[in-house]
Amino acid sequence: MPTLLTKDFNIPENTNEAWLPYEACVNEKVMAMAQLEKSYAIGFTDLSSTTDLTCCGVIIKKPNDENYYVLSQFFLPQSRVDAVEGSGSREAPYRLWAEQGWLTVCEGAAVDYNQVTKWFTDLVEQHDIRPLWVCYDRALAGYWAPQMEEYGFDMEKIAQGPTTWSYSMKQLGALLEEHKVIYQNNPIMRWCLLNTAVKSTNRDGINTIQPVKSGATRRIDGMVALLNGMVGINNHYEEYMNYIR
């Protein structure tokens, strides 16, 4: 009914709805790391305000392959892990994810952005995966973007919001429903995708969407980071594809 009203009667609306069905968010496919090495990529991040979940990663395209291969890592301060466990909250199994290697727990009460930088430099040095651009939220990067530039990374500011995100979010949703986003069965990325609701706004007949949390403790940082990467791919699609042909 909301879509009907918006389309047929031009009534402004602002609604939050579930983004994707469970089946679209779950993809257990894993590409062998050896197949992804020696690749060009688009880097992405969603940096927290130091005390919460941070995500970084890359999207890799391969010649004559419709899939989007995603490598990602998450970061959380030790104090946050302790607080969740101490409160008896069932928010997420952070300790287990850390033991499995998906989550880096940073000492103290803040995410150490130096470890985010190290993740990218290790990707280049150990796997010869080279991000041509690294997309980041211009509002929270602080000293981190200049640090990355000192290591030779080309940093791209993303103005996070519905105007920037709408097209890429619709595209990402379609790719997920077709199971063309191979995120290496990362349980934190899957959790973030499942936690994502969509906020739809219609003003003057122009519909925009953006991701929002489906609950107060349901983190979507991985989805937001990945969405920034999709914006980067769309900003540089032809140039990027020329690198991988």
Protein backbone atom coordinates (compact mmCIF):
# COMPACT_ATOMS: atom_id res chain seq x y z
CA MET A 1 0.00 0.00 0.00
CA PRO A 2 2.74 2.60 0.74
CA THR A 3 4.19 2.07 -2.75
CA LEU A 4 0.75 2.43 -4.32
CA LEU A 5 0.05 5.67 -2.47
CA THR A 6 3.41 7.16 -3.32
CA LYS A 7 3.30 6.21 -6.98
CA ASP A 8 -0.34 6.94 -7.76
CA PHE A 9 -1.16 9.84 -5.46
CA ASN A 10 2.27 11.48 -5.00
CA ILE A 11 1.97 11.43 -1.22
CA PRO A 12 5.30 12.06 0.56
CA GLU A 13 6.26 9.14 2.76
CA ASN A 14 8.99 8.19 5.15
CA THR A 15 8.91 4.52 6.11
CA ASN A 16 11.20 1.84 7.49
CA GLU A 17 10.79 -1.69 6.18
CA ALA A 18 12.82 -4.89 6.12
CA TRP A 19 15.40 -4.63 3.36
CA LEU A 20 15.93 -8.19 2.12
CA PRO A 21 14.59 -11.65 2.94
CA TYR A 22 16.72 -14.06 4.94
CA GLU A 23 17.49 -16.19 1.88
CA ALA A 24 19.03 -13.21 0.06
CA CYS A 25 21.39 -12.37 2.91
CA VAL A 26 22.72 -15.88 3.45
CA ASN A 27 25.41 -17.02 1.03
CA GLU A 28 27.77 -19.78 2.12
CA LYS A 29 29.92 -19.70 -1.01
CA VAL A 30 33.64 -19.20 -0.44
CA MET A 31 36.23 -18.43 -3.10
CA ALA A 32 39.71 -19.82 -2.43
CA MET A 33 42.13 -17.07 -1.47
CA ALA A 34 44.56 -18.27 -4.12
CA GLN A 35 41.95 -17.36 -6.74
CA LEU A 36 41.62 -13.83 -5.39
CA GLU A 37 45.30 -13.02 -5.01
CA LYS A 38 47.05 -10.76 -7.50
CA SER A 39 43.88 -8.74 -8.07
CA TYR A 40 42.83 -5.12 -8.28
CA ALA A 41 40.06 -4.13 -5.89
CA ILE A 42 37.88 -1.35 -4.54
CA GLY A 43 38.45 -0.76 -0.83
CA PHE A 44 35.74 0.26 1.62
CA THR A 45 35.32 1.19 5.27
CA ASP A 46 32.75 2.21 7.80
CA LEU A 47 34.67 3.70 10.69
CA SER A 48 32.95 3.88 14.05
CA SER A 49 33.30 6.79 16.41
CA THR A 50 36.15 4.68 17.88
CA THR A 51 34.03 2.91 20.54
CA ASP A 52 31.82 0.74 18.35
CA LEU A 53 32.03 -1.74 15.47
CA THR A 54 34.27 -0.79 12.55
CA CYS A 55 34.43 -2.61 9.22
CA CYS A 56 36.90 -2.51 6.35
CA GLY A 57 37.23 -4.60 3.23
CA VAL A 58 37.58 -4.85 -0.51
CA ILE A 59 35.39 -5.78 -3.46
CA ILE A 60 37.10 -7.79 -6.19
CA LYS A 61 35.83 -8.35 -9.72
CA LYS A 62 37.34 -11.00 -11.97
CA PRO A 63 37.32 -11.11 -15.80
CA ASN A 64 34.20 -12.68 -17.34
CA ASP A 65 32.65 -13.21 -13.92
CA GLU A 66 29.40 -11.59 -12.75
CA ASN A 67 30.18 -12.16 -9.07
CA TYR A 68 31.44 -9.56 -6.61
CA TYR A 69 33.99 -11.08 -4.22
CA VAL A 70 34.17 -9.43 -0.82
CA LEU A 71 36.92 -9.72 1.79
CA SER A 72 36.18 -7.95 5.05
CA GLN A 73 37.39 -7.57 8.61
CA PHE A 74 35.69 -6.12 11.68
CA PHE A 75 37.14 -4.31 14.70
CA LEU A 76 35.77 -3.68 18.18
CA PRO A 77 37.36 -2.33 21.38
CA GLN A 78 37.93 -4.73 24.26
CA SER A 79 35.80 -2.57 26.54
CA ARG A 80 32.80 -3.08 24.28
CA VAL A 81 33.26 -6.85 24.21
CA ASP A 82 33.54 -6.88 28.03
CA ALA A 83 30.45 -4.69 28.40
CA VAL A 84 28.32 -6.96 26.22
CA GLU A 85 29.47 -10.08 28.05
CA GLY A 86 29.19 -8.47 31.48
CA SER A 87 25.62 -7.36 30.90
CA GLY A 88 24.49 -10.79 29.79
CA SER A 89 23.36 -9.28 26.51
CA ARG A 90 22.69 -11.61 23.59
CA GLU A 91 23.67 -8.85 21.14
CA ALA A 92 26.25 -10.92 19.28
CA PRO A 93 28.91 -13.62 19.91
CA TYR A 94 31.82 -11.20 19.61
CA ARG A 95 34.26 -13.43 21.50
CA LEU A 96 33.55 -16.37 19.20
CA TRP A 97 33.95 -14.22 16.10
CA ALA A 98 37.30 -12.99 17.42
CA GLU A 99 38.46 -16.58 18.00
CA GLN A 100 37.41 -17.45 14.44
CA GLY A 101 39.43 -14.52 13.05
CA TRP A 102 36.57 -12.41 11.70
CA LEU A 103 36.86 -9.79 14.43
CA THR A 104 39.94 -7.93 15.68
CA VAL A 105 39.55 -6.91 19.31
CA CYS A 106 41.51 -3.74 20.05
CA GLU A 107 42.96 -3.16 23.51
CA GLY A 108 41.30 -0.48 25.59
CA ALA A 109 38.16 1.53 24.94
CA ALA A 110 38.61 2.56 21.30
CA VAL A 111 39.15 0.99 17.91
CA ASP A 112 42.79 1.32 16.88
CA TYR A 113 42.67 2.66 13.32
CA ASN A 114 46.32 1.65 12.91
CA GLN A 115 45.08 -1.93 12.80
CA VAL A 116 42.66 -1.02 10.02
CA THR A 117 45.59 0.42 8.07
CA LYS A 118 47.58 -2.75 8.75
CA TRP A 119 44.77 -4.89 7.36
CA PHE A 120 45.01 -3.04 4.05
CA THR A 121 48.81 -3.08 3.92
CA ASP A 122 48.85 -6.82 4.74
CA LEU A 123 46.39 -7.40 1.92
CA VAL A 124 48.83 -5.80 -0.51
CA GLU A 125 52.03 -7.30 0.90
CA GLN A 126 50.79 -10.83 1.62
CA HIS A 127 48.23 -11.37 -1.15
CA ASP A 128 49.06 -8.80 -3.83
CA ILE A 129 45.48 -7.50 -3.71
CA ARG A 130 45.65 -3.82 -4.55
CA PRO A 131 42.78 -1.43 -3.82
CA LEU A 132 42.72 1.22 -6.54
CA TRP A 133 40.53 3.42 -4.34
CA VAL A 134 39.53 3.13 -0.69
CA CYS A 135 36.09 4.58 0.02
CA TYR A 136 35.44 6.09 3.43
CA ASP A 137 32.93 8.25 5.28
CA ARG A 138 34.30 11.77 5.15
CA ALA A 139 32.69 12.61 8.50
CA LEU A 140 34.65 10.19 10.70
CA ALA A 141 38.01 9.54 9.07
CA GLY A 142 40.03 12.02 11.15
CA TYR A 143 43.74 11.31 10.90
CA TRP A 144 43.17 7.90 9.33
CA ALA A 145 42.74 8.97 5.70
CA PRO A 146 46.01 10.96 5.65
CA GLN A 147 47.75 7.97 7.24
CA MET A 148 46.46 5.71 4.48
CA GLU A 149 47.59 8.21 1.86
CA GLU A 150 51.09 8.08 3.34
CA TYR A 151 51.06 4.35 2.57
CA GLY A 152 50.16 5.10 -1.03
CA PHE A 153 46.42 4.43 -1.02
CA ASP A 154 44.11 6.59 -3.13
CA MET A 155 41.38 7.64 -0.70
CA GLU A 156 37.87 8.53 -1.85
CA LYS A 157 35.43 10.44 0.34
CA ILE A 158 31.85 9.19 0.35
CA ALA A 159 29.08 11.57 1.40
CA GLN A 160 27.00 8.99 3.23
CA GLY A 161 23.27 9.54 2.83
CA PRO A 162 20.26 8.71 0.65
CA THR A 163 21.29 10.86 -2.31
CA THR A 164 24.61 9.04 -2.59
CA TRP A 165 23.40 5.60 -1.55
CA SER A 166 20.03 5.03 -3.26
CA TYR A 167 21.16 3.66 -6.62
CA SER A 168 23.97 1.54 -5.20
CA MET A 169 21.74 0.14 -2.43
CA LYS A 170 19.15 -1.00 -4.96
CA GLN A 171 21.92 -2.53 -7.06
CA LEU A 172 23.48 -4.27 -4.04
CA GLY A 173 20.10 -5.66 -3.02
CA ALA A 174 19.55 -7.16 -6.46
CA LEU A 175 23.03 -8.71 -6.48
CA LEU A 176 22.47 -10.23 -3.04
CA GLU A 177 19.14 -11.71 -4.12
CA GLU A 178 20.91 -13.28 -7.09
CA HIS A 179 23.66 -14.57 -4.74
CA LYS A 180 26.31 -12.76 -6.75
CA VAL A 181 27.96 -11.18 -3.70
CA ILE A 182 30.43 -13.74 -2.37
CA TYR A 183 31.35 -12.41 1.06
CA GLN A 184 33.30 -15.54 2.06
CA ASN A 185 30.58 -16.66 4.47
CA ASN A 186 31.71 -14.00 6.95
CA PRO A 187 29.20 -14.35 9.83
CA ILE A 188 29.52 -10.71 10.89
CA MET A 189 28.78 -9.44 7.38
CA ARG A 190 25.79 -11.79 7.21
CA TRP A 191 24.59 -10.51 10.61
CA CYS A 192 24.85 -6.90 9.42
CA LEU A 193 22.91 -7.67 6.23
CA LEU A 194 20.16 -9.38 8.23
CA ASN A 195 20.02 -6.43 10.64
CA THR A 196 19.43 -3.91 7.85
CA ALA A 197 16.10 -2.20 7.33
CA VAL A 198 15.47 0.33 4.59
CA LYS A 199 14.27 3.88 5.11
CA SER A 200 12.35 5.10 2.09
CA THR A 201 11.64 8.77 1.55
CA ASN A 202 9.57 10.31 -1.21
CA ARG A 203 9.69 14.03 -1.78
CA ASP A 204 8.34 15.70 -4.88
CA GLY A 205 8.03 12.33 -6.59
CA ILE A 206 11.70 11.46 -6.02
CA ASN A 207 12.20 8.24 -4.07
CA THR A 208 15.41 7.69 -2.12
CA ILE A 209 16.44 4.89 0.19
CA GLN A 210 19.09 4.37 2.83
CA PRO A 211 19.99 1.65 5.33
CA VAL A 212 18.89 1.87 8.96
CA LYS A 213 19.17 -0.52 11.89
CA SER A 214 16.20 -2.82 12.43
CA GLY A 215 16.79 -2.61 16.20
CA ALA A 216 18.84 -0.66 18.72
CA THR A 217 21.52 -3.33 19.17
CA ARG A 218 21.47 -4.62 15.60
CA ARG A 219 24.65 -3.40 13.94
CA ILE A 220 24.72 -2.67 10.21
CA ASP A 221 28.29 -1.36 9.95
CA GLY A 222 29.36 -4.11 7.57
CA MET A 223 26.49 -3.42 5.21
CA VAL A 224 27.20 0.33 5.27
CA ALA A 225 30.89 -0.29 4.55
CA LEU A 226 30.02 -2.61 1.67
CA LEU A 227 27.56 -0.05 0.35
CA ASN A 228 30.32 2.57 0.33
CA GLY A 229 32.35 0.12 -1.75
CA MET A 230 29.49 -0.26 -4.23
CA VAL A 231 29.35 3.52 -4.58
CA GLY A 232 33.08 3.44 -5.31
CA ILE A 233 32.63 0.75 -7.97
CA ASN A 234 29.91 2.78 -9.65
CA ASN A 235 32.00 5.95 -9.51
CA HIS A 236 34.91 4.22 -11.26
CA TYR A 237 33.30 1.28 -13.05
CA GLU A 238 34.77 1.71 -16.53
CA GLU A 239 38.23 2.57 -15.23
CA TYR A 240 38.19 -0.34 -12.79
CA MET A 241 37.02 -2.84 -15.39
CA ASN A 242 39.84 -1.73 -17.68
CA TYR A 243 42.29 -2.81 -14.97
CA ILE A 244 40.89 -6.33 -14.68
CA ARG A 245 40.40 -7.22 -18.34
